Amino acid sequence: MSPHSYLVGLIGTGIGPSLTPALHEREADRQGLRYLYRLLDIGALGIAPERTGELVRSARDMGYDGLNVTHPCKQQVLAHLDALSPQAEALGAVNTVVFDGDRAIGHNTDTTGFAASFARGLPDAPLDRVVQLGAGGAGAAVAHALLALGAGRLTVLDARPERAAALVASLDHHFGPGRAAAADLLDIADRLADADGLVNATPIGMAAHPGLPLPADLLHPALWVAEIVYRPLETALVRTARALGCPTLDGAGMAAYQAADAFRLFTGREPDTARMLADIADLTSAR
């Protein structure tokens, strides 16, 4: 592609409602760039997540400048890349792939995206005791962000206990032991009873995975609640928590900030994050 023309895409499943293409293309239009963003939905294409590497190689051979990667491919893609940024290596998950000649380099903008959104949306939220649901690719990014933001004790729960344990081991390695622990989902009521906040880092709540990630009666007004899903913007979790009077954070800010960071990686140009935040507010209200 020419220096002012870019071809990028998003790999994942159930990504039809994604606003990421519009976020990138709007910012590119304002910067005078030709920018085409395509959706590569493995569900629609009938491709198993284990074949993510084939899509990455095909995109590189077809002249793509880069790819975003979302559920359920953020960890599947690791084995098919030539290099990882320090943050992606620490997380063991990639949400952005940049092609440099024949090389595919993995990055992760989810951590910086969530941290920036949290600091903006819940600036005074207490972080002594935080419970996180989900230990997949997005969960790893959010957990690292929470500890970097100063969370004193982070409890990670996942439907696959071994995945929660592996994430906690990674957190111990990078932040020191004692600040994170894995717990059984059966213990969630006890963990939430005296928690300051709850983060949902599972796909439950997405348009393709509707519903609540936990029983509604476990929420209480002293709990702040953060969501990483943004389609729909008001998930069942956010709606239920707001009705109880909980301070809430929807997934729009994380989506805008991580998209801005990915745009920078793809183009080498500085995005206007304020404009991109306004874009996602406009796009979510319009749809």
C-alpha atoms as a PDB file:
ATOM      1  CA  MET A   1       0.000   0.000   0.000  1.00  0.00           C
ATOM      2  CA  SER A   2       1.120   3.609  -0.478  1.00  0.00           C
ATOM      3  CA  PRO A   3       2.267   5.660   2.551  1.00  0.00           C
ATOM      4  CA  HIS A   4      -1.174   7.291   2.625  1.00  0.00           C
ATOM      5  CA  SER A   5      -3.256   4.168   1.956  1.00  0.00           C
ATOM      6  CA  TYR A   6      -3.931   1.403   4.461  1.00  0.00           C
ATOM      7  CA  LEU A   7      -5.678  -1.963   4.437  1.00  0.00           C
ATOM      8  CA  VAL A   8      -6.413  -3.448   7.861  1.00  0.00           C
ATOM      9  CA  GLY A   9      -8.852  -5.942   9.315  1.00  0.00           C
ATOM     10  CA  LEU A  10     -10.358  -7.498  12.430  1.00  0.00           C
ATOM     11  CA  ILE A  11     -10.205 -11.239  13.160  1.00  0.00           C
ATOM     12  CA  GLY A  12     -12.706 -12.720  15.618  1.00  0.00           C
ATOM     13  CA  THR A  13     -16.144 -14.219  15.891  1.00  0.00           C
ATOM     14  CA  GLY A  14     -19.480 -12.448  16.243  1.00  0.00           C
ATOM     15  CA  ILE A  15     -17.818  -9.197  15.171  1.00  0.00           C
ATOM     16  CA  GLY A  16     -20.561  -7.934  12.878  1.00  0.00           C
ATOM     17  CA  PRO A  17     -21.683  -5.252  15.381  1.00  0.00           C
ATOM     18  CA  SER A  18     -18.096  -4.012  15.937  1.00  0.00           C
ATOM     19  CA  LEU A  19     -17.598  -0.250  15.748  1.00  0.00           C
ATOM     20  CA  THR A  20     -13.829  -0.576  15.362  1.00  0.00           C
ATOM     21  CA  PRO A  21     -13.921  -0.225  11.556  1.00  0.00           C
ATOM     22  CA  ALA A  22     -15.874   3.021  11.782  1.00  0.00           C
ATOM     23  CA  LEU A  23     -13.586   4.382  14.526  1.00  0.00           C
ATOM     24  CA  HIS A  24     -10.496   3.794  12.401  1.00  0.00           C
ATOM     25  CA  GLU A  25     -11.997   4.983   9.150  1.00  0.00           C
ATOM     26  CA  ARG A  26     -13.426   8.199  10.640  1.00  0.00           C
ATOM     27  CA  GLU A  27     -10.059   9.161  12.109  1.00  0.00           C
ATOM     28  CA  ALA A  28      -8.314   8.250   8.854  1.00  0.00           C
ATOM     29  CA  ASP A  29     -10.724  10.432   6.859  1.00  0.00           C
ATOM     30  CA  ARG A  30      -9.939  13.408   9.092  1.00  0.00           C
ATOM     31  CA  GLN A  31      -6.233  12.834   8.511  1.00  0.00           C
ATOM     32  CA  GLY A  32      -6.629  12.582   4.744  1.00  0.00           C
ATOM     33  CA  LEU A  33      -5.784   8.877   4.520  1.00  0.00           C
ATOM     34  CA  ARG A  34      -7.258   6.172   2.333  1.00  0.00           C
ATOM     35  CA  TYR A  35      -8.134   3.530   4.879  1.00  0.00           C
ATOM     36  CA  LEU A  36     -10.088   0.321   4.324  1.00  0.00           C
ATOM     37  CA  TYR A  37     -11.013  -1.751   7.362  1.00  0.00           C
ATOM     38  CA  ARG A  38     -12.444  -5.225   6.788  1.00  0.00           C
ATOM     39  CA  LEU A  39     -14.106  -7.742   9.110  1.00  0.00           C
ATOM     40  CA  LEU A  40     -12.760 -11.305   9.013  1.00  0.00           C
ATOM     41  CA  ASP A  41     -15.374 -13.178  11.057  1.00  0.00           C
ATOM     42  CA  ILE A  42     -14.148 -16.722  11.617  1.00  0.00           C
ATOM     43  CA  GLY A  43     -17.651 -17.842  12.569  1.00  0.00           C
ATOM     44  CA  ALA A  44     -19.134 -16.599   9.307  1.00  0.00           C
ATOM     45  CA  LEU A  45     -16.176 -18.013   7.371  1.00  0.00           C
ATOM     46  CA  GLY A  46     -16.444 -21.393   9.065  1.00  0.00           C
ATOM     47  CA  ILE A  47     -12.872 -21.220  10.352  1.00  0.00           C
ATOM     48  CA  ALA A  48     -11.913 -22.676  13.739  1.00  0.00           C
ATOM     49  CA  PRO A  49      -9.933 -20.432  16.119  1.00  0.00           C
ATOM     50  CA  GLU A  50      -7.027 -22.877  15.796  1.00  0.00           C
ATOM     51  CA  ARG A  51      -6.671 -21.759  12.166  1.00  0.00           C
ATOM     52  CA  THR A  52      -6.153 -18.104  13.061  1.00  0.00           C
ATOM     53  CA  GLY A  53      -2.586 -18.378  11.817  1.00  0.00           C
ATOM     54  CA  GLU A  54      -3.789 -19.174   8.303  1.00  0.00           C
ATOM     55  CA  LEU A  55      -5.825 -15.958   8.240  1.00  0.00           C
ATOM     56  CA  VAL A  56      -2.839 -13.953   9.464  1.00  0.00           C
ATOM     57  CA  ARG A  57      -0.590 -15.388   6.748  1.00  0.00           C
ATOM     58  CA  SER A  58      -3.228 -14.826   4.078  1.00  0.00           C
ATOM     59  CA  ALA A  59      -3.736 -11.208   5.167  1.00  0.00           C
ATOM     60  CA  ARG A  60       0.009 -10.568   5.054  1.00  0.00           C
ATOM     61  CA  ASP A  61       0.265 -12.121   1.565  1.00  0.00           C
ATOM     62  CA  MET A  62      -2.699 -10.014   0.371  1.00  0.00           C
ATOM     63  CA  GLY A  63      -0.975  -6.771   1.346  1.00  0.00           C
ATOM     64  CA  TYR A  64      -2.683  -5.934   4.633  1.00  0.00           C
ATOM     65  CA  ASP A  65      -0.842  -3.416   6.784  1.00  0.00           C
ATOM     66  CA  GLY A  66      -2.128  -4.957   9.995  1.00  0.00           C
ATOM     67  CA  LEU A  67      -4.892  -6.698  11.878  1.00  0.00           C
ATOM     68  CA  ASN A  68      -6.809  -6.304  15.072  1.00  0.00           C
ATOM     69  CA  VAL A  69      -7.571  -9.564  16.876  1.00  0.00           C
ATOM     70  CA  THR A  70     -10.456 -10.211  19.264  1.00  0.00           C
ATOM     71  CA  HIS A  71     -12.293 -13.066  21.000  1.00  0.00           C
ATOM     72  CA  PRO A  72     -11.510 -15.968  20.712  1.00  0.00           C
ATOM     73  CA  CYS A  73      -8.212 -15.513  18.868  1.00  0.00           C
ATOM     74  CA  LYS A  74      -6.040 -13.278  21.079  1.00  0.00           C
ATOM     75  CA  GLN A  75      -4.047 -16.197  22.421  1.00  0.00           C
ATOM     76  CA  GLN A  76      -4.421 -18.515  19.432  1.00  0.00           C
ATOM     77  CA  VAL A  77      -2.534 -16.013  17.271  1.00  0.00           C
ATOM     78  CA  LEU A  78       0.618 -16.021  19.417  1.00  0.00           C
ATOM     79  CA  ALA A  79       2.219 -19.060  17.807  1.00  0.00           C
ATOM     80  CA  HIS A  80       1.933 -17.527  14.342  1.00  0.00           C
ATOM     81  CA  LEU A  81       3.822 -14.273  14.914  1.00  0.00           C
ATOM     82  CA  ASP A  82       7.478 -13.459  14.368  1.00  0.00           C
ATOM     83  CA  ALA A  83       7.879 -11.104  17.319  1.00  0.00           C
ATOM     84  CA  LEU A  84       5.955  -9.660  20.259  1.00  0.00           C
ATOM     85  CA  SER A  85       6.084  -6.262  21.897  1.00  0.00           C
ATOM     86  CA  PRO A  86       7.177  -6.434  25.560  1.00  0.00           C
ATOM     87  CA  GLN A  87       3.600  -5.830  26.714  1.00  0.00           C
ATOM     88  CA  ALA A  88       2.107  -8.511  24.462  1.00  0.00           C
ATOM     89  CA  GLU A  89       4.767 -10.966  25.621  1.00  0.00           C
ATOM     90  CA  ALA A  90       4.041 -10.163  29.267  1.00  0.00           C
ATOM     91  CA  LEU A  91       0.307 -10.620  28.729  1.00  0.00           C
ATOM     92  CA  GLY A  92       0.471 -13.715  26.550  1.00  0.00           C
ATOM     93  CA  ALA A  93      -2.216 -12.156  24.355  1.00  0.00           C
ATOM     94  CA  VAL A  94      -2.268 -10.050  21.195  1.00  0.00           C
ATOM     95  CA  ASN A  95      -4.998  -7.752  19.912  1.00  0.00           C
ATOM     96  CA  THR A  96      -2.994  -5.942  17.225  1.00  0.00           C
ATOM     97  CA  VAL A  97      -0.712  -7.369  14.528  1.00  0.00           C
ATOM     98  CA  VAL A  98       1.471  -5.093  12.421  1.00  0.00           C
ATOM     99  CA  PHE A  99       3.041  -6.402   9.213  1.00  0.00           C
ATOM    100  CA  ASP A 100       6.602  -5.255   8.573  1.00  0.00           C
ATOM    101  CA  GLY A 101       7.646  -6.806   5.285  1.00  0.00           C
ATOM    102  CA  ASP A 102       7.379 -10.548   5.804  1.00  0.00           C
ATOM    103  CA  ARG A 103       7.289 -10.204   9.584  1.00  0.00           C
ATOM    104  CA  ALA A 104       4.157 -10.209  11.712  1.00  0.00           C
ATOM    105  CA  ILE A 105       4.630  -8.376  15.007  1.00  0.00           C
ATOM    106  CA  GLY A 106       2.134  -8.700  17.855  1.00  0.00           C
ATOM    107  CA  HIS A 107       1.106  -5.881  20.180  1.00  0.00           C
ATOM    108  CA  ASN A 108      -1.540  -5.399  22.854  1.00  0.00           C
ATOM    109  CA  THR A 109      -3.434  -2.139  23.203  1.00  0.00           C
ATOM    110  CA  ASP A 110      -6.127  -3.532  25.516  1.00  0.00           C
ATOM    111  CA  THR A 111      -4.123  -2.834  28.675  1.00  0.00           C
ATOM    112  CA  THR A 112      -3.483   0.824  27.892  1.00  0.00           C
ATOM    113  CA  GLY A 113      -7.038   1.147  26.575  1.00  0.00           C
ATOM    114  CA  PHE A 114      -8.636  -0.168  29.756  1.00  0.00           C
ATOM    115  CA  ALA A 115      -6.301   1.812  32.031  1.00  0.00           C
ATOM    116  CA  ALA A 116      -7.043   5.077  30.237  1.00  0.00           C
ATOM    117  CA  SER A 117     -10.783   4.414  30.236  1.00  0.00           C
ATOM    118  CA  PHE A 118     -10.823   3.489  33.929  1.00  0.00           C
ATOM    119  CA  ALA A 119      -8.825   6.566  34.929  1.00  0.00           C
ATOM    120  CA  ARG A 120     -11.259   8.724  32.955  1.00  0.00           C
ATOM    121  CA  GLY A 121     -14.526   7.052  33.938  1.00  0.00           C
ATOM    122  CA  LEU A 122     -13.940   5.897  37.537  1.00  0.00           C
ATOM    123  CA  PRO A 123     -11.137   8.197  38.727  1.00  0.00           C
ATOM    124  CA  ASP A 124     -11.944   7.921  42.441  1.00  0.00           C
ATOM    125  CA  ALA A 125     -12.882   4.256  42.574  1.00  0.00           C
ATOM    126  CA  PRO A 126     -11.309   2.358  45.512  1.00  0.00           C
ATOM    127  CA  LEU A 127      -8.993  -0.451  44.447  1.00  0.00           C
ATOM    128  CA  ASP A 128      -8.228  -2.297  47.675  1.00  0.00           C
ATOM    129  CA  ARG A 129     -10.182  -5.424  46.705  1.00  0.00           C
ATOM    130  CA  VAL A 130     -11.215  -6.083  43.100  1.00  0.00           C
ATOM    131  CA  VAL A 131     -12.902  -9.150  41.611  1.00  0.00           C
ATOM    132  CA  GLN A 132     -12.424  -9.938  37.931  1.00  0.00           C
ATOM    133  CA  LEU A 133     -14.456 -12.394  35.877  1.00  0.00           C
ATOM    134  CA  GLY A 134     -12.549 -13.828  32.922  1.00  0.00           C
ATOM    135  CA  ALA A 135      -8.902 -14.774  32.424  1.00  0.00           C
ATOM    136  CA  GLY A 136      -8.685 -14.974  28.648  1.00  0.00           C
ATOM    137  CA  GLY A 137      -6.839 -12.583  26.359  1.00  0.00           C
ATOM    138  CA  ALA A 138      -8.859  -9.528  27.343  1.00  0.00           C
ATOM    139  CA  GLY A 139      -8.841 -10.640  30.965  1.00  0.00           C
ATOM    140  CA  ALA A 140      -5.048 -10.785  31.015  1.00  0.00           C
ATOM    141  CA  ALA A 141      -4.868  -7.231  29.676  1.00  0.00           C
ATOM    142  CA  VAL A 142      -7.398  -5.917  32.193  1.00  0.00           C
ATOM    143  CA  ALA A 143      -5.715  -7.682  35.126  1.00  0.00           C
ATOM    144  CA  HIS A 144      -2.329  -6.181  34.261  1.00  0.00           C
ATOM    145  CA  ALA A 145      -3.977  -2.767  33.930  1.00  0.00           C
ATOM    146  CA  LEU A 146      -5.705  -3.048  37.312  1.00  0.00           C
ATOM    147  CA  LEU A 147      -2.491  -3.925  39.134  1.00  0.00           C
ATOM    148  CA  ALA A 148      -0.633  -1.168  37.299  1.00  0.00           C
ATOM    149  CA  LEU A 149      -3.381   1.229  38.437  1.00  0.00           C
ATOM    150  CA  GLY A 150      -2.715   0.196  42.028  1.00  0.00           C
ATOM    151  CA  ALA A 151      -5.194  -2.574  42.832  1.00  0.00           C
ATOM    152  CA  GLY A 152      -4.206  -3.982  46.215  1.00  0.00           C
ATOM    153  CA  ARG A 153      -5.777  -7.417  45.867  1.00  0.00           C
ATOM    154  CA  LEU A 154      -7.176  -8.815  42.624  1.00  0.00           C
ATOM    155  CA  THR A 155      -9.209 -12.021  42.640  1.00  0.00           C
ATOM    156  CA  VAL A 156      -9.547 -13.703  39.243  1.00  0.00           C
ATOM    157  CA  LEU A 157     -12.333 -16.187  38.473  1.00  0.00           C
ATOM    158  CA  ASP A 158     -12.802 -18.077  35.227  1.00  0.00           C
ATOM    159  CA  ALA A 159     -14.933 -20.962  33.985  1.00  0.00           C
ATOM    160  CA  ARG A 160     -11.593 -22.701  33.341  1.00  0.00           C
ATOM    161  CA  PRO A 161      -9.781 -22.667  36.718  1.00  0.00           C
ATOM    162  CA  GLU A 162      -6.446 -23.541  35.140  1.00  0.00           C
ATOM    163  CA  ARG A 163      -6.623 -20.385  33.031  1.00  0.00           C
ATOM    164  CA  ALA A 164      -7.226 -18.210  36.100  1.00  0.00           C
ATOM    165  CA  ALA A 165      -4.290 -19.902  37.852  1.00  0.00           C
ATOM    166  CA  ALA A 166      -2.022 -19.302  34.856  1.00  0.00           C
ATOM    167  CA  LEU A 167      -2.962 -15.613  34.746  1.00  0.00           C
ATOM    168  CA  VAL A 168      -2.268 -15.213  38.459  1.00  0.00           C
ATOM    169  CA  ALA A 169       1.151 -16.846  38.008  1.00  0.00           C
ATOM    170  CA  SER A 170       1.908 -14.303  35.290  1.00  0.00           C
ATOM    171  CA  LEU A 171       0.749 -11.445  37.503  1.00  0.00           C
ATOM    172  CA  ASP A 172       2.930 -12.727  40.368  1.00  0.00           C
ATOM    173  CA  HIS A 173       5.904 -12.758  38.019  1.00  0.00           C
ATOM    174  CA  HIS A 174       5.404  -9.189  36.814  1.00  0.00           C
ATOM    175  CA  PHE A 175       4.029  -7.472  39.922  1.00  0.00           C
ATOM    176  CA  GLY A 176       5.323  -9.616  42.756  1.00  0.00           C
ATOM    177  CA  PRO A 177       3.474 -12.300  44.724  1.00  0.00           C
ATOM    178  CA  GLY A 178       0.488 -11.622  46.936  1.00  0.00           C
ATOM    179  CA  ARG A 179      -1.458  -9.066  44.909  1.00  0.00           C
ATOM    180  CA  ALA A 180      -3.480 -11.527  42.818  1.00  0.00           C
ATOM    181  CA  ALA A 181      -5.234 -14.797  43.561  1.00  0.00           C
ATOM    182  CA  ALA A 182      -7.369 -17.263  41.665  1.00  0.00           C
ATOM    183  CA  ALA A 183     -10.678 -18.408  43.115  1.00  0.00           C
ATOM    184  CA  ASP A 184     -13.368 -20.915  42.269  1.00  0.00           C
ATOM    185  CA  LEU A 185     -16.518 -19.540  40.668  1.00  0.00           C
ATOM    186  CA  LEU A 186     -18.465 -21.259  43.434  1.00  0.00           C
ATOM    187  CA  ASP A 187     -16.882 -18.783  45.865  1.00  0.00           C
ATOM    188  CA  ILE A 188     -17.947 -15.676  43.972  1.00  0.00           C
ATOM    189  CA  ALA A 189     -20.571 -14.631  46.531  1.00  0.00           C
ATOM    190  CA  ASP A 190     -17.999 -14.541  49.327  1.00  0.00           C
ATOM    191  CA  ARG A 191     -15.480 -12.711  47.162  1.00  0.00           C
ATOM    192  CA  LEU A 192     -17.953 -10.014  46.154  1.00  0.00           C
ATOM    193  CA  ALA A 193     -19.421  -9.474  49.617  1.00  0.00           C
ATOM    194  CA  ASP A 194     -16.556  -7.213  50.724  1.00  0.00           C
ATOM    195  CA  ALA A 195     -15.131  -6.228  47.330  1.00  0.00           C
ATOM    196  CA  ASP A 196     -14.720  -2.633  46.165  1.00  0.00           C
ATOM    197  CA  GLY A 197     -15.228  -3.386  42.504  1.00  0.00           C
ATOM    198  CA  LEU A 198     -16.097  -5.949  39.850  1.00  0.00           C
ATOM    199  CA  VAL A 199     -14.783  -6.167  36.291  1.00  0.00           C
ATOM    200  CA  ASN A 200     -16.420  -8.350  33.657  1.00  0.00           C
ATOM    201  CA  ALA A 201     -13.723  -9.455  31.208  1.00  0.00           C
ATOM    202  CA  THR A 202     -15.773 -12.289  29.713  1.00  0.00           C
ATOM    203  CA  PRO A 203     -17.720 -12.143  26.423  1.00  0.00           C
ATOM    204  CA  ILE A 204     -21.009 -12.556  28.310  1.00  0.00           C
ATOM    205  CA  GLY A 205     -23.047  -9.457  27.569  1.00  0.00           C
ATOM    206  CA  MET A 206     -21.993  -9.176  23.933  1.00  0.00           C
ATOM    207  CA  ALA A 207     -24.699  -9.208  21.296  1.00  0.00           C
ATOM    208  CA  ALA A 208     -23.710 -12.799  20.457  1.00  0.00           C
ATOM    209  CA  HIS A 209     -23.514 -13.820  24.147  1.00  0.00           C
ATOM    210  CA  PRO A 210     -26.375 -12.003  25.928  1.00  0.00           C
ATOM    211  CA  GLY A 211     -27.097 -12.212  29.620  1.00  0.00           C
ATOM    212  CA  LEU A 212     -25.445 -11.639  32.971  1.00  0.00           C
ATOM    213  CA  PRO A 213     -22.050 -13.158  33.851  1.00  0.00           C
ATOM    214  CA  LEU A 214     -23.148 -13.717  37.475  1.00  0.00           C
ATOM    215  CA  PRO A 215     -26.356 -13.843  39.520  1.00  0.00           C
ATOM    216  CA  ALA A 216     -27.841 -10.346  39.829  1.00  0.00           C
ATOM    217  CA  ASP A 217     -28.416 -10.699  43.577  1.00  0.00           C
ATOM    218  CA  LEU A 218     -24.636 -10.757  44.171  1.00  0.00           C
ATOM    219  CA  LEU A 219     -24.345  -7.093  43.170  1.00  0.00           C
ATOM    220  CA  HIS A 220     -24.617  -4.439  45.866  1.00  0.00           C
ATOM    221  CA  PRO A 221     -24.563  -0.618  45.859  1.00  0.00           C
ATOM    222  CA  ALA A 222     -21.115  -0.396  47.503  1.00  0.00           C
ATOM    223  CA  LEU A 223     -19.607  -2.087  44.436  1.00  0.00           C
ATOM    224  CA  TRP A 224     -18.329  -0.282  41.374  1.00  0.00           C
ATOM    225  CA  VAL A 225     -18.807  -2.287  38.167  1.00  0.00           C
ATOM    226  CA  ALA A 226     -16.702  -2.093  35.004  1.00  0.00           C
ATOM    227  CA  GLU A 227     -17.503  -3.748  31.687  1.00  0.00           C
ATOM    228  CA  ILE A 228     -15.292  -4.286  28.646  1.00  0.00           C
ATOM    229  CA  VAL A 229     -18.156  -5.149  26.272  1.00  0.00           C
ATOM    230  CA  TYR A 230     -19.465  -2.145  24.317  1.00  0.00           C
ATOM    231  CA  ARG A 231     -21.956  -3.712  21.885  1.00  0.00           C
ATOM    232  CA  PRO A 232     -24.462  -3.274  23.337  1.00  0.00           C
ATOM    233  CA  LEU A 233     -23.169  -0.253  25.217  1.00  0.00           C
ATOM    234  CA  GLU A 234     -25.532  -0.935  28.115  1.00  0.00           C
ATOM    235  CA  THR A 235     -25.047  -4.614  28.799  1.00  0.00           C
ATOM    236  CA  ALA A 236     -27.309  -6.492  31.178  1.00  0.00           C
ATOM    237  CA  LEU A 237     -24.574  -6.166  33.810  1.00  0.00           C
ATOM    238  CA  VAL A 238     -24.237  -2.400  33.435  1.00  0.00           C
ATOM    239  CA  ARG A 239     -28.012  -1.921  33.388  1.00  0.00           C
ATOM    240  CA  THR A 240     -28.521  -4.042  36.510  1.00  0.00           C
ATOM    241  CA  ALA A 241     -25.655  -2.385  38.377  1.00  0.00           C
ATOM    242  CA  ARG A 242     -26.875   1.127  37.526  1.00  0.00           C
ATOM    243  CA  ALA A 243     -30.352   0.272  38.763  1.00  0.00           C
ATOM    244  CA  LEU A 244     -28.805  -0.667  42.116  1.00  0.00           C
ATOM    245  CA  GLY A 245     -26.897   2.623  42.289  1.00  0.00           C
ATOM    246  CA  CYS A 246     -23.454   1.166  41.579  1.00  0.00           C
ATOM    247  CA  PRO A 247     -20.888   3.439  39.903  1.00  0.00           C
ATOM    248  CA  THR A 248     -20.407   1.891  36.453  1.00  0.00           C
ATOM    249  CA  LEU A 249     -18.008   1.980  33.532  1.00  0.00           C
ATOM    250  CA  ASP A 250     -19.165   0.731  30.154  1.00  0.00           C
ATOM    251  CA  GLY A 251     -16.831  -0.597  27.473  1.00  0.00           C
ATOM    252  CA  ALA A 252     -16.926   2.399  25.118  1.00  0.00           C
ATOM    253  CA  GLY A 253     -13.872   4.166  26.526  1.00  0.00           C
ATOM    254  CA  MET A 254     -11.685   1.077  26.352  1.00  0.00           C
ATOM    255  CA  ALA A 255     -12.789   0.504  22.756  1.00  0.00           C
ATOM    256  CA  ALA A 256     -11.906   4.072  21.748  1.00  0.00           C
ATOM    257  CA  TYR A 257      -8.549   4.183  23.510  1.00  0.00           C
ATOM    258  CA  GLN A 258      -7.380   0.790  22.274  1.00  0.00           C
ATOM    259  CA  ALA A 259      -8.479   1.707  18.738  1.00  0.00           C
ATOM    260  CA  ALA A 260      -6.485   4.939  18.954  1.00  0.00           C
ATOM    261  CA  ASP A 261      -3.388   3.020  20.040  1.00  0.00           C
ATOM    262  CA  ALA A 262      -3.840   0.497  17.215  1.00  0.00           C
ATOM    263  CA  PHE A 263      -4.340   3.303  14.682  1.00  0.00           C
ATOM    264  CA  ARG A 264      -1.002   4.757  15.794  1.00  0.00           C
ATOM    265  CA  LEU A 265       0.702   1.379  15.306  1.00  0.00           C
ATOM    266  CA  PHE A 266      -0.806   0.847  11.847  1.00  0.00           C
ATOM    267  CA  THR A 267      -0.132   4.323  10.460  1.00  0.00           C
ATOM    268  CA  GLY A 268       2.619   5.894  12.530  1.00  0.00           C
ATOM    269  CA  ARG A 269       0.349   8.903  12.912  1.00  0.00           C
ATOM    270  CA  GLU A 270      -0.966  10.416  16.119  1.00  0.00           C
ATOM    271  CA  PRO A 271      -4.732   9.933  16.542  1.00  0.00           C
ATOM    272  CA  ASP A 272      -6.964  12.462  18.249  1.00  0.00           C
ATOM    273  CA  THR A 273      -8.327  10.402  21.130  1.00  0.00           C
ATOM    274  CA  ALA A 274     -10.845  13.080  22.114  1.00  0.00           C
ATOM    275  CA  ARG A 275     -12.353  12.904  18.638  1.00  0.00           C
ATOM    276  CA  MET A 276     -12.397   9.103  18.754  1.00  0.00           C
ATOM    277  CA  LEU A 277     -14.186   9.160  22.115  1.00  0.00           C
ATOM    278  CA  ALA A 278     -16.753  11.498  20.568  1.00  0.00           C
ATOM    279  CA  ASP A 279     -16.992   9.131  17.594  1.00  0.00           C
ATOM    280  CA  ILE A 280     -17.839   6.106  19.688  1.00  0.00           C
ATOM    281  CA  ALA A 281     -20.448   8.076  21.634  1.00  0.00           C
ATOM    282  CA  ASP A 282     -21.986   9.122  18.320  1.00  0.00           C
ATOM    283  CA  LEU A 283     -21.819   5.637  16.814  1.00  0.00           C
ATOM    284  CA  THR A 284     -23.310   3.880  19.828  1.00  0.00           C
ATOM    285  CA  SER A 285     -26.173   6.365  20.092  1.00  0.00           C
ATOM    286  CA  ALA A 286     -26.852   6.130  16.350  1.00  0.00           C
ATOM    287  CA  ARG A 287     -27.054   2.335  16.436  1.00  0.00           C
END
